[in-house]
Amino acid sequence: MPPVSGTIWTGHFTSYKTRTFHELATTAKPTVDADHARIETRTATVCTEIDWLDDHQWFGIVAIGKVVRERETRTKTTIVTAYYLLSTALSPERFNDVVLSHWGVENRLHWRLDVVMNEDQDRTRLGHAPENLAVLRHMALNVMQKDTTKGSFRGKFKRAGWNDAYLTKLISLF
C-alpha cells in the first residue's frame, strides 16, 4: 500500500476519493512535552466526515484520527505518523489525550512485566513459545491484580511459589 501523506489512501475500499484528509479534518494545537533530554511535539487530527468510505468493512467506525509525533533529542529528530479508526467521535484535543494515556498504560504494563517477571531477560525464541509465555505472564499479572491481599507483585509471586493454599486461591480467581 502506498504511504499516506495527506490524501487518504483507500486501497482496501471499492472507490478512491480524492478529497484530502486535511480538507475534512479538525486539528488540535500541538502539545509539547520536554522530559528525559528530549522534546516531543504531538499534533492530533480527527476527521468525522467519513462518507468517502463507501464500502468499508469496519463496523462502528465513526471517525479517523491521526497523531503526528515529532521527537527531538540532542542527536536526531524523528517524526512518526499514526492513523486510528475511531468508534467514537472525539475532539482532536480529547483524542490526543486518549492516545497518550493508552501509551502510558502500555508503558506501565511493560515496566511490570520487566521488573516483576524479568521479561527482558527471557531468551525464549523458538516457535510459539514467546507468544505463549507472554500470554501466561499477562494472565499471572491479571490474577495478581484481582487478589486483594496486601503486598507487592513480586512478594505475591514468591508467596504463590511457597504456599500451595495461596496458589490455589489465586487460580480460583480466574
Protein backbone atom coordinates (compact mmCIF):
# COMPACT_ATOMS: atom_id res chain seq x y z
CA MET A 1 0.00 0.00 0.00
CA PRO A 2 1.41 3.45 -0.83
CA PRO A 3 2.27 5.74 2.08
CA VAL A 4 -0.46 8.02 3.33
CA SER A 5 0.69 11.60 3.02
CA GLY A 6 -2.24 13.92 3.35
CA THR A 7 -4.58 12.13 0.96
CA ILE A 8 -6.46 9.17 2.39
CA TRP A 9 -5.46 6.05 0.50
CA THR A 10 -8.40 3.70 0.38
CA GLY A 11 -6.86 0.80 -1.45
CA HIS A 12 -8.93 -1.60 0.66
CA PHE A 13 -12.16 0.07 -0.41
CA THR A 14 -14.08 -0.07 -3.66
CA SER A 15 -13.55 3.56 -4.53
CA TYR A 16 -10.87 6.15 -4.10
CA LYS A 17 -11.93 9.68 -3.31
CA THR A 18 -9.51 12.49 -3.96
CA ARG A 19 -10.61 14.75 -1.15
CA THR A 20 -7.72 15.09 1.25
CA PHE A 21 -7.80 14.19 4.91
CA HIS A 22 -6.81 17.72 5.85
CA GLU A 23 -9.72 19.29 3.94
CA LEU A 24 -12.20 17.32 6.05
CA ALA A 25 -10.42 17.10 9.41
CA THR A 26 -10.04 19.25 12.51
CA THR A 27 -6.60 19.66 14.06
CA ALA A 28 -5.74 20.48 17.66
CA LYS A 29 -2.99 22.83 18.72
CA PRO A 30 0.27 20.90 19.10
CA THR A 31 1.18 19.77 22.61
CA VAL A 32 4.81 19.86 23.68
CA ASP A 33 6.39 17.74 26.41
CA ALA A 34 10.02 18.08 27.45
CA ASP A 35 11.41 15.29 29.60
CA HIS A 36 14.43 12.97 29.80
CA ALA A 37 16.59 15.11 27.47
CA ARG A 38 14.03 15.04 24.67
CA ILE A 39 11.24 17.23 23.35
CA GLU A 40 8.12 15.58 21.96
CA THR A 41 5.54 17.52 19.98
CA ARG A 42 2.21 15.79 19.26
CA THR A 43 -0.42 17.05 16.85
CA ALA A 44 -3.78 15.28 16.72
CA THR A 45 -6.24 15.46 13.84
CA VAL A 46 -9.72 13.93 13.69
CA CYS A 47 -11.92 13.50 10.65
CA THR A 48 -15.57 12.70 11.40
CA GLU A 49 -16.75 13.24 7.83
CA ILE A 50 -16.13 9.73 6.50
CA ASP A 51 -18.76 9.45 3.77
CA TRP A 52 -16.00 8.82 1.25
CA LEU A 53 -15.52 5.38 2.90
CA ASP A 54 -18.26 3.91 0.74
CA ASP A 55 -17.90 0.19 1.32
CA HIS A 56 -15.64 -0.16 4.33
CA GLN A 57 -15.89 -3.37 6.36
CA TRP A 58 -15.24 -1.83 9.79
CA PHE A 59 -18.41 -1.96 11.87
CA GLY A 60 -18.95 1.05 14.10
CA ILE A 61 -16.31 3.36 12.65
CA VAL A 62 -17.39 6.99 13.01
CA ALA A 63 -14.10 8.85 12.62
CA ILE A 64 -10.46 8.59 11.63
CA GLY A 65 -7.75 10.02 13.84
CA LYS A 66 -4.17 10.91 13.08
CA VAL A 67 -1.36 11.71 15.51
CA VAL A 68 1.96 13.12 14.36
CA ARG A 69 4.71 12.75 16.97
CA GLU A 70 7.92 14.68 16.48
CA ARG A 71 10.63 13.65 18.92
CA GLU A 72 13.80 15.70 19.23
CA THR A 73 16.92 14.61 21.09
CA ARG A 74 20.39 16.10 21.08
CA THR A 75 21.45 13.92 18.18
CA LYS A 76 18.39 13.40 15.99
CA THR A 77 14.77 14.22 15.23
CA THR A 78 12.21 11.54 14.36
CA ILE A 79 8.69 12.01 13.08
CA VAL A 80 6.11 9.24 13.38
CA THR A 81 2.59 9.42 11.97
CA ALA A 82 -0.08 7.00 13.20
CA TYR A 83 -3.66 6.66 11.97
CA TYR A 84 -6.52 5.30 14.11
CA LEU A 85 -10.03 4.08 13.32
CA LEU A 86 -12.39 5.52 15.94
CA SER A 87 -15.73 4.19 17.13
CA THR A 88 -16.45 7.45 18.95
CA ALA A 89 -16.28 10.96 17.57
CA LEU A 90 -13.74 12.81 19.71
CA SER A 91 -12.39 16.31 19.59
CA PRO A 92 -8.77 16.40 18.45
CA GLU A 93 -7.72 17.50 21.94
CA ARG A 94 -9.52 14.59 23.63
CA PHE A 95 -8.21 12.17 21.01
CA ASN A 96 -4.64 13.31 21.75
CA ASP A 97 -5.24 12.67 25.47
CA VAL A 98 -6.69 9.20 24.80
CA VAL A 99 -3.74 8.16 22.63
CA LEU A 100 -1.26 9.48 25.18
CA SER A 101 -2.98 7.69 28.08
CA HIS A 102 -3.03 4.45 26.07
CA TRP A 103 0.75 4.56 25.73
CA GLY A 104 1.01 5.26 29.47
CA VAL A 105 -0.88 2.03 30.15
CA GLU A 106 1.35 0.12 27.71
CA ASN A 107 4.49 1.50 29.33
CA ARG A 108 3.30 0.64 32.87
CA LEU A 109 2.46 -2.90 31.76
CA HIS A 110 5.89 -3.32 30.18
CA TRP A 111 7.53 -1.98 33.35
CA ARG A 112 5.66 -4.53 35.48
CA LEU A 113 6.49 -7.37 33.14
CA ASP A 114 10.15 -6.41 33.14
CA VAL A 115 10.66 -5.54 36.81
CA VAL A 116 8.42 -8.17 38.40
CA MET A 117 8.89 -11.02 35.94
CA ASN A 118 12.27 -10.22 34.31
CA GLU A 119 10.62 -10.44 30.89
CA ASP A 120 13.51 -8.68 29.13
CA GLN A 121 15.87 -11.44 30.30
CA ASP A 122 13.77 -14.20 28.74
CA ARG A 123 15.60 -15.82 25.83
CA THR A 124 12.76 -18.00 24.55
CA ARG A 125 12.80 -17.66 20.76
CA LEU A 126 11.51 -20.85 19.11
CA GLY A 127 8.09 -21.45 17.62
CA HIS A 128 5.09 -20.13 19.50
CA ALA A 129 6.81 -20.26 22.88
CA PRO A 130 7.45 -16.47 23.17
CA GLU A 131 3.77 -15.66 22.50
CA ASN A 132 2.55 -18.43 24.82
CA LEU A 133 4.79 -17.25 27.66
CA ALA A 134 3.67 -13.64 27.13
CA VAL A 135 0.02 -14.73 27.47
CA LEU A 136 0.83 -16.63 30.67
CA ARG A 137 2.68 -13.62 32.11
CA HIS A 138 -0.27 -11.33 31.36
CA MET A 139 -2.66 -13.83 32.94
CA ALA A 140 -0.46 -14.03 36.04
CA LEU A 141 -0.37 -10.24 36.37
CA ASN A 142 -4.15 -10.03 35.93
CA VAL A 143 -4.69 -12.59 38.71
CA MET A 144 -2.29 -10.72 41.00
CA GLN A 145 -4.26 -7.53 40.41
CA LYS A 146 -7.51 -9.28 41.34
CA ASP A 147 -6.01 -10.56 44.61
CA THR A 148 -6.95 -8.13 47.38
CA THR A 149 -4.32 -9.22 49.91
CA LYS A 150 -1.62 -6.68 50.68
CA GLY A 151 1.83 -6.99 49.20
CA SER A 152 3.86 -6.31 46.11
CA PHE A 153 3.52 -8.31 42.92
CA ARG A 154 6.94 -9.83 43.44
CA GLY A 155 6.01 -10.82 47.00
CA LYS A 156 2.76 -12.39 45.79
CA PHE A 157 4.66 -14.43 43.19
CA LYS A 158 7.05 -15.70 45.85
CA ARG A 159 4.20 -16.49 48.22
CA ALA A 160 2.38 -18.44 45.46
CA GLY A 161 5.55 -20.49 44.92
CA TRP A 162 5.90 -21.26 48.63
CA ASN A 163 2.28 -21.69 49.70
CA ASP A 164 0.01 -24.12 47.84
CA ALA A 165 -3.14 -22.78 49.54
CA TYR A 166 -2.35 -19.24 48.33
CA LEU A 167 -1.60 -20.55 44.83
CA THR A 168 -4.96 -22.37 44.81
CA LYS A 169 -6.68 -19.15 45.91
CA LEU A 170 -5.05 -17.26 43.02
CA ILE A 171 -6.01 -19.89 40.47
CA SER A 172 -9.62 -19.74 41.68
CA LEU A 173 -9.67 -16.03 40.75
CA PHE A 174 -9.58 -16.91 37.03
